[in-house]
Amino acid sequence: MHTDLRSDTVTKPSKEMKAFMMDAPVGDDVFQEDPTVNELEKFAADYFGMEAGLYCSSGTQTNQIAINVHCRPGDEVICSKDAHIYFYEGGGIAKNSGSSVLLLPGNRGRITAEDVRGGIKDPNNPHYPLTSLVSLEDTMNRGGGAIYDFEEIKAIRKVCLENKLPLHLDGARLFNALIENNIPPKEYAAQFDSISICLSKGLGAPVGSVLLGATEFIHRARRARKVMGGGMRQAGIIAAGGLYAMKNNIERLKVDHQNAKYLGSELEKLDWVEKVLSVQTNIVVAKLSDSVDVNALIAKCAEKDIHFMAFGEQTIRMVTHLDVNADNMEYTLSVLKEI
């Protein structure tokens, strides 16, 4: 039974989504004349109570555009040492924006208001870079899908306001957080100046992310997207997948979380699994005993058409999504028990 748990990015569009995409009206998005892209941007902005949105090819692009708009060369971005914007975006903060980073340790990648307060540089001291942006990630990928405490987010927002700093959110899996903590999207989004949401992970669209913010911010972001080569023409065909996903696939994320929590609880029972990080959303991270050859384990499971990833020393990661179900969980566990 084919079971791909490497990431929720491996999802494929359903027949219904593909039909919706093929029927989508299109135009030239660089001229802002693609009606489907325009509808997606407005739908996403309205959903989160933001003024405007910008459709981009990936979450990396939306994050990097946001950093580029918020910062100038030589400025400093405060984020977790495990943040996707630092760890997995090819050094883009330095390459695209000429900015440096202050990396905070955090708890499963989640930083605190006091961490942020202590990291802000004195703007009157010319020896220091100017702190120009604080960035959070929710859920936290390298933290095993950990969710931020909303009260901590509000406390971080307060620190940012006191210091006149914008707050950006890498919300690649934000929908997973919101469906779990039941915080209204508009109330959540009100804490941030800019938000990147990904449509091609748990929501199952084939391509794309949307950057959200104030009208003036998105106007500047559109120029940054053009400079980065991100202008698309008849993009409505792929934007339609994201629009369908937002309209149909948010509530079903609960199923992914149920499958992940079940998988995590069963993994804990295996004698060669030392620890499983508490499963909060759709990511399962397990620490294996030293007796296990992680690469050999991954290879043996691949022979059974079960696929997952190494995630650091003696650690594996499994991610549930709409293309794996309860039967896939049972099959995966049966193979792991045999091995």
C-alpha atoms as a PDB file:
ATOM      1  CA  MET A   1       0.000   0.000   0.000  1.00  0.00           C
ATOM      2  CA  HIS A   2       1.616   3.230  -1.161  1.00  0.00           C
ATOM      3  CA  THR A   3       2.109   5.455   1.881  1.00  0.00           C
ATOM      4  CA  ASP A   4       4.094   8.672   1.492  1.00  0.00           C
ATOM      5  CA  LEU A   5       4.726  10.343   4.846  1.00  0.00           C
ATOM      6  CA  ARG A   6       7.746  12.387   3.808  1.00  0.00           C
ATOM      7  CA  SER A   7       5.790  15.643   3.808  1.00  0.00           C
ATOM      8  CA  ASP A   8       2.337  17.111   3.269  1.00  0.00           C
ATOM      9  CA  THR A   9       3.813  18.723   0.144  1.00  0.00           C
ATOM     10  CA  VAL A  10       3.421  15.409  -1.722  1.00  0.00           C
ATOM     11  CA  THR A  11      -0.370  15.736  -1.905  1.00  0.00           C
ATOM     12  CA  LYS A  12      -1.983  15.523  -5.339  1.00  0.00           C
ATOM     13  CA  PRO A  13      -5.024  17.501  -6.439  1.00  0.00           C
ATOM     14  CA  SER A  14      -8.306  15.605  -6.335  1.00  0.00           C
ATOM     15  CA  LYS A  15     -10.480  15.084  -9.418  1.00  0.00           C
ATOM     16  CA  GLU A  16     -12.796  17.811  -8.137  1.00  0.00           C
ATOM     17  CA  MET A  17      -9.924  20.225  -7.657  1.00  0.00           C
ATOM     18  CA  LYS A  18      -8.524  19.505 -11.123  1.00  0.00           C
ATOM     19  CA  ALA A  19     -11.922  20.060 -12.706  1.00  0.00           C
ATOM     20  CA  PHE A  20     -12.229  23.377 -10.849  1.00  0.00           C
ATOM     21  CA  MET A  21      -8.766  24.367 -12.089  1.00  0.00           C
ATOM     22  CA  MET A  22      -9.487  23.517 -15.705  1.00  0.00           C
ATOM     23  CA  ASP A  23     -12.660  25.628 -15.682  1.00  0.00           C
ATOM     24  CA  ALA A  24     -11.007  28.655 -14.062  1.00  0.00           C
ATOM     25  CA  PRO A  25     -11.159  31.933 -16.018  1.00  0.00           C
ATOM     26  CA  VAL A  26      -7.690  33.374 -16.593  1.00  0.00           C
ATOM     27  CA  GLY A  27      -5.961  36.586 -17.630  1.00  0.00           C
ATOM     28  CA  ASP A  28      -2.550  38.230 -17.314  1.00  0.00           C
ATOM     29  CA  ASP A  29      -1.721  38.434 -13.616  1.00  0.00           C
ATOM     30  CA  VAL A  30       1.249  40.785 -14.118  1.00  0.00           C
ATOM     31  CA  PHE A  31      -1.374  43.252 -15.385  1.00  0.00           C
ATOM     32  CA  GLN A  32      -3.538  42.150 -12.418  1.00  0.00           C
ATOM     33  CA  GLU A  33      -6.127  40.932 -14.930  1.00  0.00           C
ATOM     34  CA  ASP A  34      -6.408  37.277 -13.924  1.00  0.00           C
ATOM     35  CA  PRO A  35      -9.860  36.994 -12.321  1.00  0.00           C
ATOM     36  CA  THR A  36      -9.086  33.742 -10.501  1.00  0.00           C
ATOM     37  CA  VAL A  37      -5.857  35.048  -8.987  1.00  0.00           C
ATOM     38  CA  ASN A  38      -7.680  38.217  -7.960  1.00  0.00           C
ATOM     39  CA  GLU A  39     -10.456  36.162  -6.372  1.00  0.00           C
ATOM     40  CA  LEU A  40      -7.979  33.999  -4.463  1.00  0.00           C
ATOM     41  CA  GLU A  41      -6.069  37.025  -3.158  1.00  0.00           C
ATOM     42  CA  LYS A  42      -9.292  38.696  -2.013  1.00  0.00           C
ATOM     43  CA  PHE A  43     -10.695  35.498  -0.513  1.00  0.00           C
ATOM     44  CA  ALA A  44      -7.520  34.859   1.477  1.00  0.00           C
ATOM     45  CA  ALA A  45      -7.276  38.493   2.620  1.00  0.00           C
ATOM     46  CA  ASP A  46     -10.923  38.558   3.708  1.00  0.00           C
ATOM     47  CA  TYR A  47     -10.576  35.209   5.487  1.00  0.00           C
ATOM     48  CA  PHE A  48      -7.856  36.661   7.706  1.00  0.00           C
ATOM     49  CA  GLY A  49      -9.191  40.205   7.877  1.00  0.00           C
ATOM     50  CA  MET A  50      -6.193  41.641   6.040  1.00  0.00           C
ATOM     51  CA  GLU A  51      -6.386  44.417   3.443  1.00  0.00           C
ATOM     52  CA  ALA A  52      -4.746  42.660   0.500  1.00  0.00           C
ATOM     53  CA  GLY A  53      -2.985  39.548  -0.741  1.00  0.00           C
ATOM     54  CA  LEU A  54      -0.361  38.546  -3.293  1.00  0.00           C
ATOM     55  CA  TYR A  55      -0.289  35.112  -4.921  1.00  0.00           C
ATOM     56  CA  CYS A  56       3.203  33.639  -5.271  1.00  0.00           C
ATOM     57  CA  SER A  57       4.713  30.375  -6.406  1.00  0.00           C
ATOM     58  CA  SER A  58       5.882  29.172  -2.979  1.00  0.00           C
ATOM     59  CA  GLY A  59       6.064  29.856   0.734  1.00  0.00           C
ATOM     60  CA  THR A  60       9.761  30.542   0.420  1.00  0.00           C
ATOM     61  CA  GLN A  61       8.962  33.281  -2.082  1.00  0.00           C
ATOM     62  CA  THR A  62       6.265  34.884   0.101  1.00  0.00           C
ATOM     63  CA  ASN A  63       8.572  34.826   3.127  1.00  0.00           C
ATOM     64  CA  GLN A  64      11.511  36.245   1.222  1.00  0.00           C
ATOM     65  CA  ILE A  65       9.394  38.971  -0.347  1.00  0.00           C
ATOM     66  CA  ALA A  66       8.088  39.957   3.093  1.00  0.00           C
ATOM     67  CA  ILE A  67      11.611  40.161   4.515  1.00  0.00           C
ATOM     68  CA  ASN A  68      12.717  42.191   1.499  1.00  0.00           C
ATOM     69  CA  VAL A  69       9.925  44.719   2.000  1.00  0.00           C
ATOM     70  CA  HIS A  70      10.362  44.999   5.768  1.00  0.00           C
ATOM     71  CA  CYS A  71      14.179  45.231   5.828  1.00  0.00           C
ATOM     72  CA  ARG A  72      17.069  47.103   4.274  1.00  0.00           C
ATOM     73  CA  PRO A  73      20.607  45.766   3.690  1.00  0.00           C
ATOM     74  CA  GLY A  74      22.488  45.581   6.965  1.00  0.00           C
ATOM     75  CA  ASP A  75      19.321  45.251   9.074  1.00  0.00           C
ATOM     76  CA  GLU A  76      18.683  42.331  11.397  1.00  0.00           C
ATOM     77  CA  VAL A  77      15.823  39.831  11.565  1.00  0.00           C
ATOM     78  CA  ILE A  78      14.955  38.152  14.872  1.00  0.00           C
ATOM     79  CA  CYS A  79      13.728  34.571  14.555  1.00  0.00           C
ATOM     80  CA  SER A  80      14.167  31.084  15.974  1.00  0.00           C
ATOM     81  CA  LYS A  81      17.357  29.198  15.158  1.00  0.00           C
ATOM     82  CA  ASP A  82      15.053  26.540  13.676  1.00  0.00           C
ATOM     83  CA  ALA A  83      12.970  28.944  11.600  1.00  0.00           C
ATOM     84  CA  HIS A  84      12.241  27.913   8.034  1.00  0.00           C
ATOM     85  CA  ILE A  85      13.180  31.406   6.806  1.00  0.00           C
ATOM     86  CA  TYR A  86      16.694  30.812   8.141  1.00  0.00           C
ATOM     87  CA  PHE A  87      17.163  27.047   7.969  1.00  0.00           C
ATOM     88  CA  TYR A  88      15.473  26.037   4.721  1.00  0.00           C
ATOM     89  CA  GLU A  89      15.408  29.024   2.388  1.00  0.00           C
ATOM     90  CA  GLY A  90      18.891  28.857   0.911  1.00  0.00           C
ATOM     91  CA  GLY A  91      20.378  31.785   2.814  1.00  0.00           C
ATOM     92  CA  GLY A  92      17.764  34.024   1.220  1.00  0.00           C
ATOM     93  CA  ILE A  93      17.732  36.576   4.040  1.00  0.00           C
ATOM     94  CA  ALA A  94      21.326  37.445   3.210  1.00  0.00           C
ATOM     95  CA  LYS A  95      21.181  36.829  -0.533  1.00  0.00           C
ATOM     96  CA  ASN A  96      17.907  38.588  -1.316  1.00  0.00           C
ATOM     97  CA  SER A  97      17.800  41.321   1.300  1.00  0.00           C
ATOM     98  CA  GLY A  98      21.370  41.750   2.551  1.00  0.00           C
ATOM     99  CA  SER A  99      20.128  41.345   6.117  1.00  0.00           C
ATOM    100  CA  SER A 100      21.575  39.468   9.057  1.00  0.00           C
ATOM    101  CA  VAL A 101      19.748  37.351  11.634  1.00  0.00           C
ATOM    102  CA  LEU A 102      19.616  37.028  15.379  1.00  0.00           C
ATOM    103  CA  LEU A 103      18.807  33.405  16.128  1.00  0.00           C
ATOM    104  CA  LEU A 104      16.963  32.609  19.364  1.00  0.00           C
ATOM    105  CA  PRO A 105      16.920  29.085  20.873  1.00  0.00           C
ATOM    106  CA  GLY A 106      13.243  28.760  21.743  1.00  0.00           C
ATOM    107  CA  ASN A 107      11.193  25.747  22.830  1.00  0.00           C
ATOM    108  CA  ARG A 108      10.580  23.458  19.858  1.00  0.00           C
ATOM    109  CA  GLY A 109      11.259  26.533  17.759  1.00  0.00           C
ATOM    110  CA  ARG A 110       8.839  28.794  19.605  1.00  0.00           C
ATOM    111  CA  ILE A 111      10.392  31.982  20.953  1.00  0.00           C
ATOM    112  CA  THR A 112       8.994  34.185  23.721  1.00  0.00           C
ATOM    113  CA  ALA A 113       8.304  37.868  24.207  1.00  0.00           C
ATOM    114  CA  GLU A 114      11.203  38.079  26.656  1.00  0.00           C
ATOM    115  CA  ASP A 115      13.491  36.399  24.100  1.00  0.00           C
ATOM    116  CA  VAL A 116      12.504  39.037  21.567  1.00  0.00           C
ATOM    117  CA  ARG A 117      12.839  41.924  24.001  1.00  0.00           C
ATOM    118  CA  GLY A 118      16.348  40.811  24.916  1.00  0.00           C
ATOM    119  CA  GLY A 119      17.345  40.486  21.274  1.00  0.00           C
ATOM    120  CA  ILE A 120      16.390  43.972  20.084  1.00  0.00           C
ATOM    121  CA  LYS A 121      19.479  46.075  19.423  1.00  0.00           C
ATOM    122  CA  ASP A 122      19.869  49.661  20.623  1.00  0.00           C
ATOM    123  CA  PRO A 123      19.067  51.692  17.473  1.00  0.00           C
ATOM    124  CA  ASN A 124      21.255  54.546  18.724  1.00  0.00           C
ATOM    125  CA  ASN A 125      24.413  52.430  18.849  1.00  0.00           C
ATOM    126  CA  PRO A 126      26.104  52.500  15.428  1.00  0.00           C
ATOM    127  CA  HIS A 127      28.043  49.320  16.210  1.00  0.00           C
ATOM    128  CA  TYR A 128      24.880  47.233  15.976  1.00  0.00           C
ATOM    129  CA  PRO A 129      22.691  46.323  13.029  1.00  0.00           C
ATOM    130  CA  LEU A 130      19.202  47.811  13.153  1.00  0.00           C
ATOM    131  CA  THR A 131      16.614  45.329  14.333  1.00  0.00           C
ATOM    132  CA  SER A 132      13.945  45.664  11.652  1.00  0.00           C
ATOM    133  CA  LEU A 133      11.754  42.563  11.797  1.00  0.00           C
ATOM    134  CA  VAL A 134      10.576  39.793  14.100  1.00  0.00           C
ATOM    135  CA  SER A 135       9.416  36.574  12.440  1.00  0.00           C
ATOM    136  CA  LEU A 136       7.488  33.643  13.919  1.00  0.00           C
ATOM    137  CA  GLU A 137       6.522  30.283  12.440  1.00  0.00           C
ATOM    138  CA  ASP A 138       3.252  28.549  13.335  1.00  0.00           C
ATOM    139  CA  THR A 139       3.061  25.594  13.297  1.00  0.00           C
ATOM    140  CA  MET A 140       6.761  25.062  13.805  1.00  0.00           C
ATOM    141  CA  ASN A 141       8.145  22.581  11.285  1.00  0.00           C
ATOM    142  CA  ARG A 142      11.412  21.706  13.015  1.00  0.00           C
ATOM    143  CA  GLY A 143       9.528  21.685  16.311  1.00  0.00           C
ATOM    144  CA  GLY A 144       7.458  18.747  15.099  1.00  0.00           C
ATOM    145  CA  GLY A 145       4.365  20.739  14.225  1.00  0.00           C
ATOM    146  CA  ALA A 146       4.284  22.579  17.560  1.00  0.00           C
ATOM    147  CA  ILE A 147       1.660  25.319  17.975  1.00  0.00           C
ATOM    148  CA  TYR A 148       2.357  28.724  19.486  1.00  0.00           C
ATOM    149  CA  ASP A 149       0.486  29.762  22.620  1.00  0.00           C
ATOM    150  CA  PHE A 150      -1.708  32.610  21.372  1.00  0.00           C
ATOM    151  CA  GLU A 151      -1.124  34.602  24.554  1.00  0.00           C
ATOM    152  CA  GLU A 152       2.616  34.454  23.848  1.00  0.00           C
ATOM    153  CA  ILE A 153       2.018  35.713  20.321  1.00  0.00           C
ATOM    154  CA  LYS A 154       0.065  38.652  21.746  1.00  0.00           C
ATOM    155  CA  ALA A 155       2.889  39.349  24.184  1.00  0.00           C
ATOM    156  CA  ILE A 156       5.406  39.306  21.318  1.00  0.00           C
ATOM    157  CA  ARG A 157       3.168  41.651  19.380  1.00  0.00           C
ATOM    158  CA  LYS A 158       3.156  44.051  22.333  1.00  0.00           C
ATOM    159  CA  VAL A 159       6.963  44.069  22.419  1.00  0.00           C
ATOM    160  CA  CYS A 160       7.059  44.746  18.682  1.00  0.00           C
ATOM    161  CA  LEU A 161       4.621  47.634  18.964  1.00  0.00           C
ATOM    162  CA  GLU A 162       6.602  49.147  21.833  1.00  0.00           C
ATOM    163  CA  ASN A 163       9.707  49.046  19.660  1.00  0.00           C
ATOM    164  CA  LYS A 164       7.985  49.975  16.376  1.00  0.00           C
ATOM    165  CA  LEU A 165       8.929  46.648  14.791  1.00  0.00           C
ATOM    166  CA  PRO A 166       6.849  44.752  12.216  1.00  0.00           C
ATOM    167  CA  LEU A 167       5.897  41.162  13.042  1.00  0.00           C
ATOM    168  CA  HIS A 168       5.835  38.590  10.218  1.00  0.00           C
ATOM    169  CA  LEU A 169       4.346  35.109  10.322  1.00  0.00           C
ATOM    170  CA  ASP A 170       5.569  32.163   8.307  1.00  0.00           C
ATOM    171  CA  GLY A 171       2.192  30.428   8.322  1.00  0.00           C
ATOM    172  CA  ALA A 172       3.110  27.535   6.065  1.00  0.00           C
ATOM    173  CA  ARG A 173       0.945  25.301   8.275  1.00  0.00           C
ATOM    174  CA  LEU A 174      -1.127  28.022   9.920  1.00  0.00           C
ATOM    175  CA  PHE A 175      -4.384  26.287   9.026  1.00  0.00           C
ATOM    176  CA  ASN A 176      -3.230  23.264  11.038  1.00  0.00           C
ATOM    177  CA  ALA A 177      -2.720  25.518  14.054  1.00  0.00           C
ATOM    178  CA  LEU A 178      -6.056  27.300  13.710  1.00  0.00           C
ATOM    179  CA  ILE A 179      -8.092  24.126  13.240  1.00  0.00           C
ATOM    180  CA  GLU A 180      -6.528  22.764  16.426  1.00  0.00           C
ATOM    181  CA  ASN A 181      -6.686  25.799  18.716  1.00  0.00           C
ATOM    182  CA  ASN A 182     -10.015  27.186  17.417  1.00  0.00           C
ATOM    183  CA  ILE A 183      -8.790  30.790  17.389  1.00  0.00           C
ATOM    184  CA  PRO A 184     -10.770  32.887  14.860  1.00  0.00           C
ATOM    185  CA  PRO A 185      -8.518  33.579  11.841  1.00  0.00           C
ATOM    186  CA  LYS A 186      -9.141  37.340  11.910  1.00  0.00           C
ATOM    187  CA  GLU A 187      -8.351  37.606  15.610  1.00  0.00           C
ATOM    188  CA  TYR A 188      -5.151  35.624  15.079  1.00  0.00           C
ATOM    189  CA  ALA A 189      -4.054  37.567  12.002  1.00  0.00           C
ATOM    190  CA  ALA A 190      -4.600  40.927  13.739  1.00  0.00           C
ATOM    191  CA  GLN A 191      -1.370  40.300  15.660  1.00  0.00           C
ATOM    192  CA  PHE A 192       0.777  40.408  12.512  1.00  0.00           C
ATOM    193  CA  ASP A 193       1.844  42.944   9.918  1.00  0.00           C
ATOM    194  CA  SER A 194       2.353  40.286   7.260  1.00  0.00           C
ATOM    195  CA  ILE A 195       1.437  36.622   6.933  1.00  0.00           C
ATOM    196  CA  SER A 196       2.518  33.938   4.497  1.00  0.00           C
ATOM    197  CA  ILE A 197       0.024  31.102   4.033  1.00  0.00           C
ATOM    198  CA  CYS A 198       0.807  27.960   2.067  1.00  0.00           C
ATOM    199  CA  LEU A 199      -1.840  26.252  -0.066  1.00  0.00           C
ATOM    200  CA  SER A 200       0.195  23.267  -1.277  1.00  0.00           C
ATOM    201  CA  LYS A 201       0.671  21.443   2.039  1.00  0.00           C
ATOM    202  CA  GLY A 202      -2.233  20.180   4.116  1.00  0.00           C
ATOM    203  CA  LEU A 203      -4.816  21.941   1.945  1.00  0.00           C
ATOM    204  CA  GLY A 204      -3.700  19.889  -1.047  1.00  0.00           C
ATOM    205  CA  ALA A 205      -3.310  22.497  -3.796  1.00  0.00           C
ATOM    206  CA  PRO A 206      -0.545  21.736  -6.307  1.00  0.00           C
ATOM    207  CA  VAL A 207       1.167  25.146  -6.267  1.00  0.00           C
ATOM    208  CA  GLY A 208       1.343  28.374  -4.380  1.00  0.00           C
ATOM    209  CA  SER A 209       1.248  30.571  -1.318  1.00  0.00           C
ATOM    210  CA  VAL A 210      -0.370  33.918  -0.568  1.00  0.00           C
ATOM    211  CA  LEU A 211       1.310  36.843   1.189  1.00  0.00           C
ATOM    212  CA  LEU A 212      -1.128  38.964   3.205  1.00  0.00           C
ATOM    213  CA  GLY A 213      -0.788  42.461   4.606  1.00  0.00           C
ATOM    214  CA  ALA A 214      -1.828  46.102   4.311  1.00  0.00           C
ATOM    215  CA  THR A 215      -2.546  47.510   0.851  1.00  0.00           C
ATOM    216  CA  GLU A 216       0.651  49.583   0.759  1.00  0.00           C
ATOM    217  CA  PHE A 217       2.731  46.614   1.940  1.00  0.00           C
ATOM    218  CA  ILE A 218       1.318  44.368  -0.794  1.00  0.00           C
ATOM    219  CA  HIS A 219       1.921  47.112  -3.380  1.00  0.00           C
ATOM    220  CA  ARG A 220       5.593  47.077  -2.445  1.00  0.00           C
ATOM    221  CA  ALA A 221       5.576  43.266  -2.267  1.00  0.00           C
ATOM    222  CA  ARG A 222       4.300  43.077  -5.853  1.00  0.00           C
ATOM    223  CA  ARG A 223       7.363  45.025  -6.998  1.00  0.00           C
ATOM    224  CA  ALA A 224       9.644  42.706  -4.990  1.00  0.00           C
ATOM    225  CA  ARG A 225       7.951  39.670  -6.560  1.00  0.00           C
ATOM    226  CA  LYS A 226       8.633  41.097 -10.021  1.00  0.00           C
ATOM    227  CA  VAL A 227      12.303  41.699  -9.183  1.00  0.00           C
ATOM    228  CA  MET A 228      12.611  38.102  -7.946  1.00  0.00           C
ATOM    229  CA  GLY A 229      11.176  36.807 -11.207  1.00  0.00           C
ATOM    230  CA  GLY A 230       7.902  35.832  -9.601  1.00  0.00           C
ATOM    231  CA  GLY A 231       5.510  37.560 -11.979  1.00  0.00           C
ATOM    232  CA  MET A 232       3.146  35.010 -13.561  1.00  0.00           C
ATOM    233  CA  ARG A 233       0.824  35.374 -16.511  1.00  0.00           C
ATOM    234  CA  GLN A 234      -2.275  33.132 -16.809  1.00  0.00           C
ATOM    235  CA  ALA A 235      -1.749  31.890 -13.268  1.00  0.00           C
ATOM    236  CA  GLY A 236      -5.446  31.406 -12.586  1.00  0.00           C
ATOM    237  CA  ILE A 237      -5.165  27.739 -13.556  1.00  0.00           C
ATOM    238  CA  ILE A 238      -2.959  27.027 -10.548  1.00  0.00           C
ATOM    239  CA  ALA A 239      -4.471  29.712  -8.310  1.00  0.00           C
ATOM    240  CA  ALA A 240      -7.810  27.926  -8.716  1.00  0.00           C
ATOM    241  CA  GLY A 241      -6.341  24.936  -6.901  1.00  0.00           C
ATOM    242  CA  GLY A 242      -5.576  27.160  -3.926  1.00  0.00           C
ATOM    243  CA  LEU A 243      -9.023  28.747  -4.037  1.00  0.00           C
ATOM    244  CA  TYR A 244     -10.698  25.325  -4.093  1.00  0.00           C
ATOM    245  CA  ALA A 245      -8.449  24.194  -1.235  1.00  0.00           C
ATOM    246  CA  MET A 246      -9.365  27.145   0.993  1.00  0.00           C
ATOM    247  CA  LYS A 247     -13.060  26.658   0.308  1.00  0.00           C
ATOM    248  CA  ASN A 248     -13.119  22.890   0.821  1.00  0.00           C
ATOM    249  CA  ASN A 249     -10.108  21.450   2.642  1.00  0.00           C
ATOM    250  CA  ILE A 250      -9.591  23.364   5.889  1.00  0.00           C
ATOM    251  CA  GLU A 251     -11.966  21.503   8.201  1.00  0.00           C
ATOM    252  CA  ARG A 252     -10.694  18.106   7.074  1.00  0.00           C
ATOM    253  CA  LEU A 253      -7.257  18.872   8.565  1.00  0.00           C
ATOM    254  CA  LYS A 254      -8.717  17.463  11.792  1.00  0.00           C
ATOM    255  CA  VAL A 255      -8.502  14.004  10.202  1.00  0.00           C
ATOM    256  CA  ASP A 256      -4.779  14.453   9.549  1.00  0.00           C
ATOM    257  CA  HIS A 257      -4.258  15.415  13.193  1.00  0.00           C
ATOM    258  CA  GLN A 258      -6.184  12.364  14.398  1.00  0.00           C
ATOM    259  CA  ASN A 259      -4.094  10.088  12.187  1.00  0.00           C
ATOM    260  CA  ALA A 260      -0.857  11.714  13.365  1.00  0.00           C
ATOM    261  CA  LYS A 261      -1.758  11.437  17.038  1.00  0.00           C
ATOM    262  CA  TYR A 262      -2.676   7.783  16.617  1.00  0.00           C
ATOM    263  CA  LEU A 263       0.557   7.095  14.728  1.00  0.00           C
ATOM    264  CA  GLY A 264       2.587   8.857  17.419  1.00  0.00           C
ATOM    265  CA  SER A 265       0.935   6.965  20.280  1.00  0.00           C
ATOM    266  CA  GLU A 266       1.573   3.612  18.589  1.00  0.00           C
ATOM    267  CA  LEU A 267       5.191   4.468  17.757  1.00  0.00           C
ATOM    268  CA  GLU A 268       5.817   5.107  21.456  1.00  0.00           C
ATOM    269  CA  LYS A 269       4.989   1.463  22.144  1.00  0.00           C
ATOM    270  CA  LEU A 270       7.846   0.168  19.989  1.00  0.00           C
ATOM    271  CA  ASP A 271      10.851  -0.804  22.104  1.00  0.00           C
ATOM    272  CA  TRP A 272      13.325   0.758  19.654  1.00  0.00           C
ATOM    273  CA  VAL A 273      11.628   4.161  19.800  1.00  0.00           C
ATOM    274  CA  GLU A 274      13.070   6.222  22.659  1.00  0.00           C
ATOM    275  CA  LYS A 275      10.728   9.188  22.474  1.00  0.00           C
ATOM    276  CA  VAL A 276       8.008  10.751  20.357  1.00  0.00           C
ATOM    277  CA  LEU A 277       7.555  14.519  20.571  1.00  0.00           C
ATOM    278  CA  SER A 278       4.027  15.322  21.710  1.00  0.00           C
ATOM    279  CA  VAL A 279       1.952  15.372  18.540  1.00  0.00           C
ATOM    280  CA  GLN A 280      -0.050  18.586  18.233  1.00  0.00           C
ATOM    281  CA  THR A 281      -0.920  18.661  14.549  1.00  0.00           C
ATOM    282  CA  ASN A 282       0.093  16.536  11.538  1.00  0.00           C
ATOM    283  CA  ILE A 283       3.828  16.041  12.147  1.00  0.00           C
ATOM    284  CA  VAL A 284       5.228  13.068  14.050  1.00  0.00           C
ATOM    285  CA  VAL A 285       8.869  13.224  15.166  1.00  0.00           C
ATOM    286  CA  ALA A 286      10.376  10.133  16.789  1.00  0.00           C
ATOM    287  CA  LYS A 287      13.777   9.708  18.428  1.00  0.00           C
ATOM    288  CA  LEU A 288      15.133   6.189  17.876  1.00  0.00           C
ATOM    289  CA  SER A 289      17.469   4.135  20.032  1.00  0.00           C
ATOM    290  CA  ASP A 290      21.135   3.943  19.089  1.00  0.00           C
ATOM    291  CA  SER A 291      20.666   0.333  17.991  1.00  0.00           C
ATOM    292  CA  VAL A 292      18.638   1.469  14.969  1.00  0.00           C
ATOM    293  CA  ASP A 293      20.306   2.302  11.671  1.00  0.00           C
ATOM    294  CA  VAL A 294      17.993   5.099  10.554  1.00  0.00           C
ATOM    295  CA  ASN A 295      18.985   4.978   6.886  1.00  0.00           C
ATOM    296  CA  ALA A 296      18.558   1.211   6.786  1.00  0.00           C
ATOM    297  CA  LEU A 297      15.139   1.539   8.413  1.00  0.00           C
ATOM    298  CA  ILE A 298      14.052   4.103   5.833  1.00  0.00           C
ATOM    299  CA  ALA A 299      15.335   1.876   3.008  1.00  0.00           C
ATOM    300  CA  LYS A 300      13.527  -1.232   4.334  1.00  0.00           C
ATOM    301  CA  CYS A 301      10.277   0.670   4.649  1.00  0.00           C
ATOM    302  CA  ALA A 302      10.693   2.083   1.145  1.00  0.00           C
ATOM    303  CA  GLU A 303      10.836  -1.508  -0.127  1.00  0.00           C
ATOM    304  CA  LYS A 304       7.341  -1.886   1.352  1.00  0.00           C
ATOM    305  CA  ASP A 305       6.295   1.389  -0.353  1.00  0.00           C
ATOM    306  CA  ILE A 306       6.290   3.342   2.928  1.00  0.00           C
ATOM    307  CA  HIS A 307       8.231   6.570   2.749  1.00  0.00           C
ATOM    308  CA  PHE A 308       9.389   8.982   5.465  1.00  0.00           C
ATOM    309  CA  MET A 309      12.437  11.101   6.267  1.00  0.00           C
ATOM    310  CA  ALA A 310      15.409  11.274   8.588  1.00  0.00           C
ATOM    311  CA  PHE A 311      15.120  14.415  10.706  1.00  0.00           C
ATOM    312  CA  GLY A 312      18.433  14.799  12.487  1.00  0.00           C
ATOM    313  CA  GLU A 313      20.539  12.370  14.476  1.00  0.00           C
ATOM    314  CA  GLN A 314      18.616   9.142  15.259  1.00  0.00           C
ATOM    315  CA  THR A 315      15.373  10.924  14.437  1.00  0.00           C
ATOM    316  CA  ILE A 316      12.648  10.380  11.869  1.00  0.00           C
ATOM    317  CA  ARG A 317       9.720  12.525  10.750  1.00  0.00           C
ATOM    318  CA  MET A 318       6.350  11.391   9.414  1.00  0.00           C
ATOM    319  CA  VAL A 319       3.730  13.823   8.142  1.00  0.00           C
ATOM    320  CA  THR A 320       0.071  12.967   7.647  1.00  0.00           C
ATOM    321  CA  HIS A 321      -2.053  14.581   4.932  1.00  0.00           C
ATOM    322  CA  LEU A 322      -5.125  14.119   2.761  1.00  0.00           C
ATOM    323  CA  ASP A 323      -3.554  11.364   0.653  1.00  0.00           C
ATOM    324  CA  VAL A 324      -3.014   9.022   3.624  1.00  0.00           C
ATOM    325  CA  ASN A 325      -5.821   7.545   5.697  1.00  0.00           C
ATOM    326  CA  ALA A 326      -6.386   5.249   8.669  1.00  0.00           C
ATOM    327  CA  ASP A 327      -5.560   2.186   6.562  1.00  0.00           C
ATOM    328  CA  ASN A 328      -2.189   3.705   5.695  1.00  0.00           C
ATOM    329  CA  MET A 329      -1.528   4.222   9.416  1.00  0.00           C
ATOM    330  CA  GLU A 330      -2.280   0.566  10.187  1.00  0.00           C
ATOM    331  CA  TYR A 331      -0.165  -0.648   7.279  1.00  0.00           C
ATOM    332  CA  THR A 332       2.768   1.549   8.310  1.00  0.00           C
ATOM    333  CA  LEU A 333       2.603   0.341  11.910  1.00  0.00           C
ATOM    334  CA  SER A 334       2.331  -3.298  10.883  1.00  0.00           C
ATOM    335  CA  VAL A 335       5.509  -3.008   8.772  1.00  0.00           C
ATOM    336  CA  LEU A 336       7.391  -1.154  11.524  1.00  0.00           C
ATOM    337  CA  LYS A 337       6.433  -3.825  14.061  1.00  0.00           C
ATOM    338  CA  GLU A 338       7.675  -6.572  11.741  1.00  0.00           C
ATOM    339  CA  ILE A 339      10.994  -4.784  11.191  1.00  0.00           C
END
